[in-house]
């Protein structure tokens, strides 16, 4: 299951974990987010122990969304060693996300 990032755990889990974090910014009402959601779940299982892959619900956790200027969803941030190394806005294929993960692991 994909990790649940929140306003309170984001600093510790996404920025200070020393590895790659892939964060899907989403909302329940977002149609395109429902397309990306299962892909994120699959990637979280496949990369367990290699990267922290999860989701942040923008409706429940607006602080982190505002901090990273997330204006459209889904937005997927790739954070490595505390720095955003890639930002993808919109839907994406599993292959495209896998390639980005592999490039940053």
PDB file of N, CA and C in Angstrom:
ATOM      1  N   UNK A   1       0.838  -1.185   0.000  1.00  0.00           N
ATOM      2  CA  UNK A   1       0.000   0.000   0.000  1.00  0.00           C
ATOM      3  C   UNK A   1       0.880   1.244   0.000  1.00  0.00           C
ATOM      4  N   UNK A   2       0.453   2.231  -0.745  1.00  0.00           N
ATOM      5  CA  UNK A   2       1.211   3.478  -0.842  1.00  0.00           C
ATOM      6  C   UNK A   2       1.222   4.194   0.509  1.00  0.00           C
ATOM      7  N   UNK A   3       2.333   4.819   0.804  1.00  0.00           N
ATOM      8  CA  UNK A   3       2.505   5.567   2.048  1.00  0.00           C
ATOM      9  C   UNK A   3       1.596   6.792   2.036  1.00  0.00           C
ATOM     10  N   UNK A   4       1.056   7.165   3.193  1.00  0.00           N
ATOM     11  CA  UNK A   4       0.217   8.358   3.282  1.00  0.00           C
ATOM     12  C   UNK A   4       1.041   9.517   3.852  1.00  0.00           C
ATOM     13  N   UNK A   5       1.399  10.435   2.965  1.00  0.00           N
ATOM     14  CA  UNK A   5       2.085  11.655   3.400  1.00  0.00           C
ATOM     15  C   UNK A   5       1.056  12.632   3.931  1.00  0.00           C
ATOM     16  N   UNK A   6       1.439  13.380   4.972  1.00  0.00           N
ATOM     17  CA  UNK A   6       0.548  14.382   5.570  1.00  0.00           C
ATOM     18  C   UNK A   6       1.335  15.670   5.806  1.00  0.00           C
ATOM     19  N   UNK A   7       0.614  16.715   6.178  1.00  0.00           N
ATOM     20  CA  UNK A   7       1.281  17.970   6.525  1.00  0.00           C
ATOM     21  C   UNK A   7       2.258  17.763   7.681  1.00  0.00           C
ATOM     22  N   UNK A   8       1.903  16.882   8.611  1.00  0.00           N
ATOM     23  CA  UNK A   8       2.741  16.711   9.803  1.00  0.00           C
ATOM     24  C   UNK A   8       3.917  15.761   9.599  1.00  0.00           C
ATOM     25  N   UNK A   9       3.810  14.798   8.696  1.00  0.00           N
ATOM     26  CA  UNK A   9       4.923  13.847   8.537  1.00  0.00           C
ATOM     27  C   UNK A   9       5.781  14.114   7.303  1.00  0.00           C
ATOM     28  N   UNK A  10       5.426  15.081   6.479  1.00  0.00           N
ATOM     29  CA  UNK A  10       6.103  15.299   5.208  1.00  0.00           C
ATOM     30  C   UNK A  10       7.587  15.626   5.373  1.00  0.00           C
ATOM     31  N   UNK A  11       7.897  16.519   6.285  1.00  0.00           N
ATOM     32  CA  UNK A  11       9.298  16.924   6.506  1.00  0.00           C
ATOM     33  C   UNK A  11      10.155  15.715   6.830  1.00  0.00           C
ATOM     34  N   UNK A  12       9.715  14.928   7.778  1.00  0.00           N
ATOM     35  CA  UNK A  12      10.497  13.778   8.232  1.00  0.00           C
ATOM     36  C   UNK A  12      10.553  12.664   7.185  1.00  0.00           C
ATOM     37  N   UNK A  13       9.432  12.358   6.562  1.00  0.00           N
ATOM     38  CA  UNK A  13       9.387  11.194   5.679  1.00  0.00           C
ATOM     39  C   UNK A  13       9.845  11.485   4.255  1.00  0.00           C
ATOM     40  N   UNK A  14       9.484  12.615   3.713  1.00  0.00           N
ATOM     41  CA  UNK A  14       9.819  12.905   2.313  1.00  0.00           C
ATOM     42  C   UNK A  14      11.145  13.637   2.162  1.00  0.00           C
ATOM     43  N   UNK A  15      11.446  14.524   3.099  1.00  0.00           N
ATOM     44  CA  UNK A  15      12.630  15.377   2.940  1.00  0.00           C
ATOM     45  C   UNK A  15      13.859  14.874   3.674  1.00  0.00           C
ATOM     46  N   UNK A  16      13.661  14.193   4.788  1.00  0.00           N
ATOM     47  CA  UNK A  16      14.797  13.807   5.620  1.00  0.00           C
ATOM     48  C   UNK A  16      15.098  12.313   5.569  1.00  0.00           C
ATOM     49  N   UNK A  17      14.479  11.572   4.651  1.00  0.00           N
ATOM     50  CA  UNK A  17      14.682  10.125   4.639  1.00  0.00           C
ATOM     51  C   UNK A  17      15.960   9.701   3.926  1.00  0.00           C
ATOM     52  N   UNK A  18      16.622  10.637   3.234  1.00  0.00           N
ATOM     53  CA  UNK A  18      17.899  10.336   2.614  1.00  0.00           C
ATOM     54  C   UNK A  18      17.842   9.563   1.316  1.00  0.00           C
ATOM     55  N   UNK A  19      16.672   9.293   0.821  1.00  0.00           N
ATOM     56  CA  UNK A  19      16.547   8.564  -0.434  1.00  0.00           C
ATOM     57  C   UNK A  19      15.554   9.243  -1.355  1.00  0.00           C
ATOM     58  N   UNK A  20      14.952   8.448  -2.205  1.00  0.00           N
ATOM     59  CA  UNK A  20      13.973   8.954  -3.162  1.00  0.00           C
ATOM     60  C   UNK A  20      12.573   8.794  -2.603  1.00  0.00           C
ATOM     61  N   UNK A  21      11.801   9.874  -2.673  1.00  0.00           N
ATOM     62  CA  UNK A  21      10.380   9.845  -2.349  1.00  0.00           C
ATOM     63  C   UNK A  21       9.613  10.267  -3.586  1.00  0.00           C
ATOM     64  N   UNK A  22       8.548   9.538  -3.887  1.00  0.00           N
ATOM     65  CA  UNK A  22       7.671   9.861  -5.004  1.00  0.00           C
ATOM     66  C   UNK A  22       6.303  10.125  -4.407  1.00  0.00           C
ATOM     67  N   UNK A  23       5.811  11.359  -4.569  1.00  0.00           N
ATOM     68  CA  UNK A  23       4.592  11.779  -3.912  1.00  0.00           C
ATOM     69  C   UNK A  23       3.541  12.179  -4.930  1.00  0.00           C
ATOM     70  N   UNK A  24       2.407  11.499  -4.874  1.00  0.00           N
ATOM     71  CA  UNK A  24       1.262  11.779  -5.732  1.00  0.00           C
ATOM     72  C   UNK A  24       0.307  12.695  -4.969  1.00  0.00           C
ATOM     73  N   UNK A  25       0.142  13.924  -5.454  1.00  0.00           N
ATOM     74  CA  UNK A  25      -0.819  14.859  -4.878  1.00  0.00           C
ATOM     75  C   UNK A  25      -2.152  14.615  -5.576  1.00  0.00           C
ATOM     76  N   UNK A  26      -3.204  14.301  -4.806  1.00  0.00           N
ATOM     77  CA  UNK A  26      -4.471  13.867  -5.380  1.00  0.00           C
ATOM     78  C   UNK A  26      -5.641  14.328  -4.516  1.00  0.00           C
ATOM     79  N   UNK A  27      -6.856  14.068  -5.013  1.00  0.00           N
ATOM     80  CA  UNK A  27      -8.090  14.292  -4.255  1.00  0.00           C
ATOM     81  C   UNK A  27      -9.112  13.256  -4.707  1.00  0.00           C
ATOM     82  N   UNK A  28     -10.041  12.922  -3.814  1.00  0.00           N
ATOM     83  CA  UNK A  28     -11.044  11.902  -4.120  1.00  0.00           C
ATOM     84  C   UNK A  28     -11.929  12.282  -5.300  1.00  0.00           C
ATOM     85  N   UNK A  29     -12.209  13.548  -5.459  1.00  0.00           N
ATOM     86  CA  UNK A  29     -13.126  14.022  -6.503  1.00  0.00           C
ATOM     87  C   UNK A  29     -12.460  14.144  -7.876  1.00  0.00           C
ATOM     88  N   UNK A  30     -11.167  13.910  -7.962  1.00  0.00           N
ATOM     89  CA  UNK A  30     -10.392  14.121  -9.184  1.00  0.00           C
ATOM     90  C   UNK A  30     -10.380  12.865 -10.054  1.00  0.00           C
ATOM     91  N   UNK A  31     -11.010  12.935 -11.229  1.00  0.00           N
ATOM     92  CA  UNK A  31     -11.054  11.805 -12.155  1.00  0.00           C
ATOM     93  C   UNK A  31      -9.684  11.325 -12.598  1.00  0.00           C
ATOM     94  N   UNK A  32      -8.817  12.217 -13.106  1.00  0.00           N
ATOM     95  CA  UNK A  32      -7.482  11.779 -13.521  1.00  0.00           C
ATOM     96  C   UNK A  32      -6.674  11.166 -12.366  1.00  0.00           C
ATOM     97  N   UNK A  33      -6.922  11.628 -11.151  1.00  0.00           N
ATOM     98  CA  UNK A  33      -6.224  11.071  -9.990  1.00  0.00           C
ATOM     99  C   UNK A  33      -6.584   9.599  -9.797  1.00  0.00           C
ATOM    100  N   UNK A  34      -7.825   9.244 -10.124  1.00  0.00           N
ATOM    101  CA  UNK A  34      -8.255   7.851  -9.988  1.00  0.00           C
ATOM    102  C   UNK A  34      -7.560   6.955 -11.007  1.00  0.00           C
ATOM    103  N   UNK A  35      -7.106   7.533 -12.116  1.00  0.00           N
ATOM    104  CA  UNK A  35      -6.348   6.758 -13.097  1.00  0.00           C
ATOM    105  C   UNK A  35      -4.922   6.506 -12.614  1.00  0.00           C
ATOM    106  N   UNK A  36      -4.339   7.496 -11.954  1.00  0.00           N
ATOM    107  CA  UNK A  36      -2.953   7.394 -11.490  1.00  0.00           C
ATOM    108  C   UNK A  36      -2.848   6.592 -10.190  1.00  0.00           C
ATOM    109  N   UNK A  37      -3.887   6.633  -9.370  1.00  0.00           N
ATOM    110  CA  UNK A  37      -3.859   5.983  -8.058  1.00  0.00           C
ATOM    111  C   UNK A  37      -3.410   4.532  -8.069  1.00  0.00           C
ATOM    112  N   UNK A  38      -3.998   3.673  -8.917  1.00  0.00           N
ATOM    113  CA  UNK A  38      -3.570   2.271  -8.935  1.00  0.00           C
ATOM    114  C   UNK A  38      -2.115   2.096  -9.382  1.00  0.00           C
ATOM    115  N   UNK A  39      -1.642   2.972 -10.231  1.00  0.00           N
ATOM    116  CA  UNK A  39      -0.242   2.915 -10.669  1.00  0.00           C
ATOM    117  C   UNK A  39       0.673   3.208  -9.487  1.00  0.00           C
ATOM    118  N   UNK A  40       0.323   4.221  -8.712  1.00  0.00           N
ATOM    119  CA  UNK A  40       1.114   4.574  -7.524  1.00  0.00           C
ATOM    120  C   UNK A  40       1.120   3.401  -6.540  1.00  0.00           C
ATOM    121  N   UNK A  41      -0.026   2.761  -6.355  1.00  0.00           N
ATOM    122  CA  UNK A  41      -0.101   1.602  -5.458  1.00  0.00           C
ATOM    123  C   UNK A  41       0.830   0.485  -5.936  1.00  0.00           C
ATOM    124  N   UNK A  42       0.808   0.185  -7.233  1.00  0.00           N
ATOM    125  CA  UNK A  42       1.682  -0.852  -7.791  1.00  0.00           C
ATOM    126  C   UNK A  42       3.156  -0.503  -7.596  1.00  0.00           C
ATOM    127  N   UNK A  43       3.506   0.747  -7.887  1.00  0.00           N
ATOM    128  CA  UNK A  43       4.901   1.171  -7.756  1.00  0.00           C
ATOM    129  C   UNK A  43       5.364   1.119  -6.303  1.00  0.00           C
ATOM    130  N   UNK A  44       4.472   1.445  -5.378  1.00  0.00           N
ATOM    131  CA  UNK A  44       4.825   1.392  -3.952  1.00  0.00           C
ATOM    132  C   UNK A  44       5.213  -0.032  -3.556  1.00  0.00           C
ATOM    133  N   UNK A  45       4.496  -1.022  -4.093  1.00  0.00           N
ATOM    134  CA  UNK A  45       4.822  -2.423  -3.799  1.00  0.00           C
ATOM    135  C   UNK A  45       6.137  -2.829  -4.477  1.00  0.00           C
ATOM    136  N   UNK A  46       6.275  -2.456  -5.737  1.00  0.00           N
ATOM    137  CA  UNK A  46       7.451  -2.864  -6.504  1.00  0.00           C
ATOM    138  C   UNK A  46       8.746  -2.247  -5.998  1.00  0.00           C
ATOM    139  N   UNK A  47       8.671  -1.031  -5.475  1.00  0.00           N
ATOM    140  CA  UNK A  47       9.876  -0.332  -5.030  1.00  0.00           C
ATOM    141  C   UNK A  47       9.988  -0.270  -3.508  1.00  0.00           C
ATOM    142  N   UNK A  48       9.249  -1.120  -2.818  1.00  0.00           N
ATOM    143  CA  UNK A  48       9.327  -1.175  -1.366  1.00  0.00           C
ATOM    144  C   UNK A  48      10.774  -1.454  -0.953  1.00  0.00           C
ATOM    145  N   UNK A  49      11.311  -0.606  -0.104  1.00  0.00           N
ATOM    146  CA  UNK A  49      12.690  -0.750   0.338  1.00  0.00           C
ATOM    147  C   UNK A  49      13.698  -0.012  -0.525  1.00  0.00           C
ATOM    148  N   UNK A  50      13.279   0.435  -1.713  1.00  0.00           N
ATOM    149  CA  UNK A  50      14.168   1.165  -2.611  1.00  0.00           C
ATOM    150  C   UNK A  50      13.796   2.633  -2.715  1.00  0.00           C
ATOM    151  N   UNK A  51      12.509   2.923  -2.618  1.00  0.00           N
ATOM    152  CA  UNK A  51      12.000   4.303  -2.672  1.00  0.00           C
ATOM    153  C   UNK A  51      10.719   4.360  -1.852  1.00  0.00           C
ATOM    154  N   UNK A  52      10.442   5.523  -1.287  1.00  0.00           N
ATOM    155  CA  UNK A  52       9.209   5.719  -0.536  1.00  0.00           C
ATOM    156  C   UNK A  52       8.192   6.339  -1.486  1.00  0.00           C
ATOM    157  N   UNK A  53       7.172   5.580  -1.832  1.00  0.00           N
ATOM    158  CA  UNK A  53       6.181   6.026  -2.803  1.00  0.00           C
ATOM    159  C   UNK A  53       4.831   6.114  -2.111  1.00  0.00           C
ATOM    160  N   UNK A  54       4.200   7.283  -2.252  1.00  0.00           N
ATOM    161  CA  UNK A  54       2.927   7.466  -1.582  1.00  0.00           C
ATOM    162  C   UNK A  54       2.127   8.622  -2.122  1.00  0.00           C
ATOM    163  N   UNK A  55       1.119   9.004  -1.339  1.00  0.00           N
ATOM    164  CA  UNK A  55       0.154   9.987  -1.782  1.00  0.00           C
ATOM    165  C   UNK A  55      -0.105  11.011  -0.679  1.00  0.00           C
ATOM    166  N   UNK A  56      -0.487  12.204  -1.110  1.00  0.00           N
ATOM    167  CA  UNK A  56      -0.957  13.211  -0.170  1.00  0.00           C
ATOM    168  C   UNK A  56      -2.281  13.754  -0.703  1.00  0.00           C
ATOM    169  N   UNK A  57      -3.302  13.681   0.126  1.00  0.00           N
ATOM    170  CA  UNK A  57      -4.620  14.187  -0.237  1.00  0.00           C
ATOM    171  C   UNK A  57      -4.609  15.708  -0.052  1.00  0.00           C
ATOM    172  N   UNK A  58      -4.762  16.438  -1.154  1.00  0.00           N
ATOM    173  CA  UNK A  58      -4.638  17.896  -1.100  1.00  0.00           C
ATOM    174  C   UNK A  58      -5.760  18.548  -0.294  1.00  0.00           C
ATOM    175  N   UNK A  59      -6.906  17.896  -0.215  1.00  0.00           N
ATOM    176  CA  UNK A  59      -8.020  18.448   0.567  1.00  0.00           C
ATOM    177  C   UNK A  59      -7.769  18.326   2.064  1.00  0.00           C
ATOM    178  N   UNK A  60      -7.122  17.251   2.463  1.00  0.00           N
ATOM    179  CA  UNK A  60      -6.861  17.012   3.889  1.00  0.00           C
ATOM    180  C   UNK A  60      -5.555  17.623   4.366  1.00  0.00           C
ATOM    181  N   UNK A  61      -4.617  17.843   3.444  1.00  0.00           N
ATOM    182  CA  UNK A  61      -3.284  18.332   3.811  1.00  0.00           C
ATOM    183  C   UNK A  61      -2.863  19.478   2.886  1.00  0.00           C
ATOM    184  N   UNK A  62      -3.471  20.638   3.038  1.00  0.00           N
ATOM    185  CA  UNK A  62      -3.214  21.755   2.124  1.00  0.00           C
ATOM    186  C   UNK A  62      -1.857  22.435   2.314  1.00  0.00           C
ATOM    187  N   UNK A  63      -1.253  22.345   3.489  1.00  0.00           N
ATOM    188  CA  UNK A  63       0.006  23.059   3.741  1.00  0.00           C
ATOM    189  C   UNK A  63       1.116  22.609   2.803  1.00  0.00           C
ATOM    190  N   UNK A  64       1.316  21.298   2.711  1.00  0.00           N
ATOM    191  CA  UNK A  64       2.393  20.789   1.860  1.00  0.00           C
ATOM    192  C   UNK A  64       2.073  21.063   0.389  1.00  0.00           C
ATOM    193  N   UNK A  65       0.808  21.020   0.038  1.00  0.00           N
ATOM    194  CA  UNK A  65       0.405  21.325  -1.344  1.00  0.00           C
ATOM    195  C   UNK A  65       0.747  22.765  -1.701  1.00  0.00           C
ATOM    196  N   UNK A  66       0.474  23.684  -0.779  1.00  0.00           N
ATOM    197  CA  UNK A  66       0.795  25.098  -1.018  1.00  0.00           C
ATOM    198  C   UNK A  66       2.302  25.318  -1.044  1.00  0.00           C
ATOM    199  N   UNK A  67       3.027  24.649  -0.154  1.00  0.00           N
ATOM    200  CA  UNK A  67       4.477  24.818  -0.086  1.00  0.00           C
ATOM    201  C   UNK A  67       5.145  24.445  -1.412  1.00  0.00           C
ATOM    202  N   UNK A  68       4.634  23.421  -2.071  1.00  0.00           N
ATOM    203  CA  UNK A  68       5.223  22.965  -3.333  1.00  0.00           C
ATOM    204  C   UNK A  68       4.457  23.462  -4.554  1.00  0.00           C
ATOM    205  N   UNK A  69       3.601  24.463  -4.338  1.00  0.00           N
ATOM    206  CA  UNK A  69       2.923  25.147  -5.437  1.00  0.00           C
ATOM    207  C   UNK A  69       2.136  24.176  -6.327  1.00  0.00           C
ATOM    208  N   UNK A  70       1.452  23.234  -5.688  1.00  0.00           N
ATOM    209  CA  UNK A  70       0.631  22.281  -6.430  1.00  0.00           C
ATOM    210  C   UNK A  70      -0.687  22.969  -6.756  1.00  0.00           C
ATOM    211  N   UNK A  71      -0.889  23.260  -8.036  1.00  0.00           N
ATOM    212  CA  UNK A  71      -2.091  23.975  -8.479  1.00  0.00           C
ATOM    213  C   UNK A  71      -3.021  23.100  -9.296  1.00  0.00           C
ATOM    214  N   UNK A  72      -2.489  22.033  -9.854  1.00  0.00           N
ATOM    215  CA  UNK A  72      -3.287  21.077 -10.620  1.00  0.00           C
ATOM    216  C   UNK A  72      -2.992  19.685 -10.091  1.00  0.00           C
ATOM    217  N   UNK A  73      -4.008  18.841 -10.134  1.00  0.00           N
ATOM    218  CA  UNK A  73      -3.800  17.462  -9.702  1.00  0.00           C
ATOM    219  C   UNK A  73      -4.290  16.522 -10.792  1.00  0.00           C
ATOM    220  N   UNK A  74      -3.684  15.373 -10.910  1.00  0.00           N
ATOM    221  CA  UNK A  74      -2.575  14.895 -10.103  1.00  0.00           C
ATOM    222  C   UNK A  74      -1.258  15.588 -10.444  1.00  0.00           C
ATOM    223  N   UNK A  75      -0.470  15.819  -9.403  1.00  0.00           N
ATOM    224  CA  UNK A  75       0.908  16.275  -9.542  1.00  0.00           C
ATOM    225  C   UNK A  75       1.769  15.264  -8.801  1.00  0.00           C
ATOM    226  N   UNK A  76       2.839  14.835  -9.427  1.00  0.00           N
ATOM    227  CA  UNK A  76       3.730  13.861  -8.807  1.00  0.00           C
ATOM    228  C   UNK A  76       5.107  14.492  -8.652  1.00  0.00           C
ATOM    229  N   UNK A  77       5.549  14.573  -7.401  1.00  0.00           N
ATOM    230  CA  UNK A  77       6.881  15.111  -7.109  1.00  0.00           C
ATOM    231  C   UNK A  77       7.848  13.969  -6.854  1.00  0.00           C
ATOM    232  N   UNK A  78       9.047  14.121  -7.374  1.00  0.00           N
ATOM    233  CA  UNK A  78      10.148  13.202  -7.107  1.00  0.00           C
ATOM    234  C   UNK A  78      11.147  13.987  -6.265  1.00  0.00           C
ATOM    235  N   UNK A  79      11.319  13.575  -5.027  1.00  0.00           N
ATOM    236  CA  UNK A  79      12.207  14.274  -4.101  1.00  0.00           C
ATOM    237  C   UNK A  79      13.337  13.330  -3.720  1.00  0.00           C
ATOM    238  N   UNK A  80      14.552  13.796  -3.932  1.00  0.00           N
ATOM    239  CA  UNK A  80      15.725  12.991  -3.573  1.00  0.00           C
ATOM    240  C   UNK A  80      16.627  13.822  -2.676  1.00  0.00           C
ATOM    241  N   UNK A  81      16.984  13.256  -1.546  1.00  0.00           N
ATOM    242  CA  UNK A  81      17.850  13.927  -0.580  1.00  0.00           C
ATOM    243  C   UNK A  81      17.342  15.321  -0.243  1.00  0.00           C
ATOM    244  N   UNK A  82      16.025  15.454  -0.106  1.00  0.00           N
ATOM    245  CA  UNK A  82      15.414  16.703   0.332  1.00  0.00           C
ATOM    246  C   UNK A  82      15.139  17.724  -0.756  1.00  0.00           C
ATOM    247  N   UNK A  83      15.496  17.418  -1.998  1.00  0.00           N
ATOM    248  CA  UNK A  83      15.316  18.362  -3.104  1.00  0.00           C
ATOM    249  C   UNK A  83      14.391  17.789  -4.172  1.00  0.00           C
ATOM    250  N   UNK A  84      13.522  18.631  -4.725  1.00  0.00           N
ATOM    251  CA  UNK A  84      12.668  18.197  -5.833  1.00  0.00           C
ATOM    252  C   UNK A  84      13.549  18.032  -7.068  1.00  0.00           C
ATOM    253  N   UNK A  85      13.591  16.811  -7.593  1.00  0.00           N
ATOM    254  CA  UNK A  85      14.413  16.537  -8.777  1.00  0.00           C
ATOM    255  C   UNK A  85      13.559  16.421 -10.042  1.00  0.00           C
ATOM    256  N   UNK A  86      12.244  16.266  -9.865  1.00  0.00           N
ATOM    257  CA  UNK A  86      11.345  16.213 -11.017  1.00  0.00           C
ATOM    258  C   UNK A  86       9.924  16.463 -10.541  1.00  0.00           C
ATOM    259  N   UNK A  87       9.145  17.145 -11.384  1.00  0.00           N
ATOM    260  CA  UNK A  87       7.730  17.401 -11.096  1.00  0.00           C
ATOM    261  C   UNK A  87       6.938  17.049 -12.341  1.00  0.00           C
ATOM    262  N   UNK A  88       5.946  16.176 -12.173  1.00  0.00           N
ATOM    263  CA  UNK A  88       5.084  15.777 -13.289  1.00  0.00           C
ATOM    264  C   UNK A  88       3.657  16.194 -12.964  1.00  0.00           C
ATOM    265  N   UNK A  89       3.029  16.927 -13.876  1.00  0.00           N
ATOM    266  CA  UNK A  89       1.647  17.365 -13.693  1.00  0.00           C
ATOM    267  C   UNK A  89       0.770  16.639 -14.704  1.00  0.00           C
ATOM    268  N   UNK A  90      -0.313  16.039 -14.212  1.00  0.00           N
ATOM    269  CA  UNK A  90      -1.237  15.317 -15.078  1.00  0.00           C
ATOM    270  C   UNK A  90      -1.071  13.813 -14.949  1.00  0.00           C
ATOM    271  N   UNK A  91      -1.825  13.092 -15.764  1.00  0.00           N
ATOM    272  CA  UNK A  91      -1.736  11.638 -15.716  1.00  0.00           C
ATOM    273  C   UNK A  91      -0.406  11.172 -16.304  1.00  0.00           C
ATOM    274  N   UNK A  92      -0.045   9.956 -15.957  1.00  0.00           N
ATOM    275  CA  UNK A  92       1.208   9.385 -16.455  1.00  0.00           C
ATOM    276  C   UNK A  92       1.049   7.877 -16.541  1.00  0.00           C
ATOM    277  N   UNK A  93       1.802   7.278 -17.429  1.00  0.00           N
ATOM    278  CA  UNK A  93       1.784   5.825 -17.533  1.00  0.00           C
ATOM    279  C   UNK A  93       2.715   5.230 -16.477  1.00  0.00           C
ATOM    280  N   UNK A  94       2.512   3.977 -16.204  1.00  0.00           N
ATOM    281  CA  UNK A  94       3.388   3.280 -15.265  1.00  0.00           C
ATOM    282  C   UNK A  94       4.811   3.258 -15.796  1.00  0.00           C
ATOM    283  N   UNK A  95       4.945   3.048 -17.093  1.00  0.00           N
ATOM    284  CA  UNK A  95       6.277   3.006 -17.695  1.00  0.00           C
ATOM    285  C   UNK A  95       7.008   4.332 -17.519  1.00  0.00           C
ATOM    286  N   UNK A  96       6.306   5.445 -17.754  1.00  0.00           N
ATOM    287  CA  UNK A  96       6.939   6.764 -17.618  1.00  0.00           C
ATOM    288  C   UNK A  96       7.386   7.010 -16.180  1.00  0.00           C
ATOM    289  N   UNK A  97       6.550   6.648 -15.223  1.00  0.00           N
ATOM    290  CA  UNK A  97       6.915   6.848 -13.819  1.00  0.00           C
ATOM    291  C   UNK A  97       8.048   5.912 -13.412  1.00  0.00           C
ATOM    292  N   UNK A  98       8.021   4.686 -13.906  1.00  0.00           N
ATOM    293  CA  UNK A  98       9.097   3.736 -13.614  1.00  0.00           C
ATOM    294  C   UNK A  98      10.433   4.258 -14.131  1.00  0.00           C
ATOM    295  N   UNK A  99      10.433   4.812 -15.327  1.00  0.00           N
ATOM    296  CA  UNK A  99      11.665   5.360 -15.899  1.00  0.00           C
ATOM    297  C   UNK A  99      12.214   6.496 -15.044  1.00  0.00           C
ATOM    298  N   UNK A 100      11.330   7.356 -14.544  1.00  0.00           N
ATOM    299  CA  UNK A 100      11.782   8.471 -13.688  1.00  0.00           C
ATOM    300  C   UNK A 100      12.327   7.948 -12.368  1.00  0.00           C
ATOM    301  N   UNK A 101      11.660   6.953 -11.800  1.00  0.00           N
ATOM    302  CA  UNK A 101      12.142   6.374 -10.543  1.00  0.00           C
ATOM    303  C   UNK A 101      13.521   5.752 -10.752  1.00  0.00           C
ATOM    304  N   UNK A 102      13.656   4.964 -11.786  1.00  0.00           N
ATOM    305  CA  UNK A 102      14.935   4.316 -12.073  1.00  0.00           C
ATOM    306  C   UNK A 102      16.052   5.329 -12.304  1.00  0.00           C
ATOM    307  N   UNK A 103      15.716   6.454 -12.907  1.00  0.00           N
ATOM    308  CA  UNK A 103      16.719   7.490 -13.172  1.00  0.00           C
ATOM    309  C   UNK A 103      17.218   8.155 -11.892  1.00  0.00           C
ATOM    310  N   UNK A 104      16.424   8.085 -10.829  1.00  0.00           N
ATOM    311  CA  UNK A 104      16.786   8.813  -9.602  1.00  0.00           C
ATOM    312  C   UNK A 104      17.129   7.916  -8.423  1.00  0.00           C
ATOM    313  N   UNK A 105      17.015   6.620  -8.595  1.00  0.00           N
ATOM    314  CA  UNK A 105      17.348   5.723  -7.465  1.00  0.00           C
ATOM    315  C   UNK A 105      18.861   5.684  -7.283  1.00  0.00           C
TER     316      UNK A 105
END
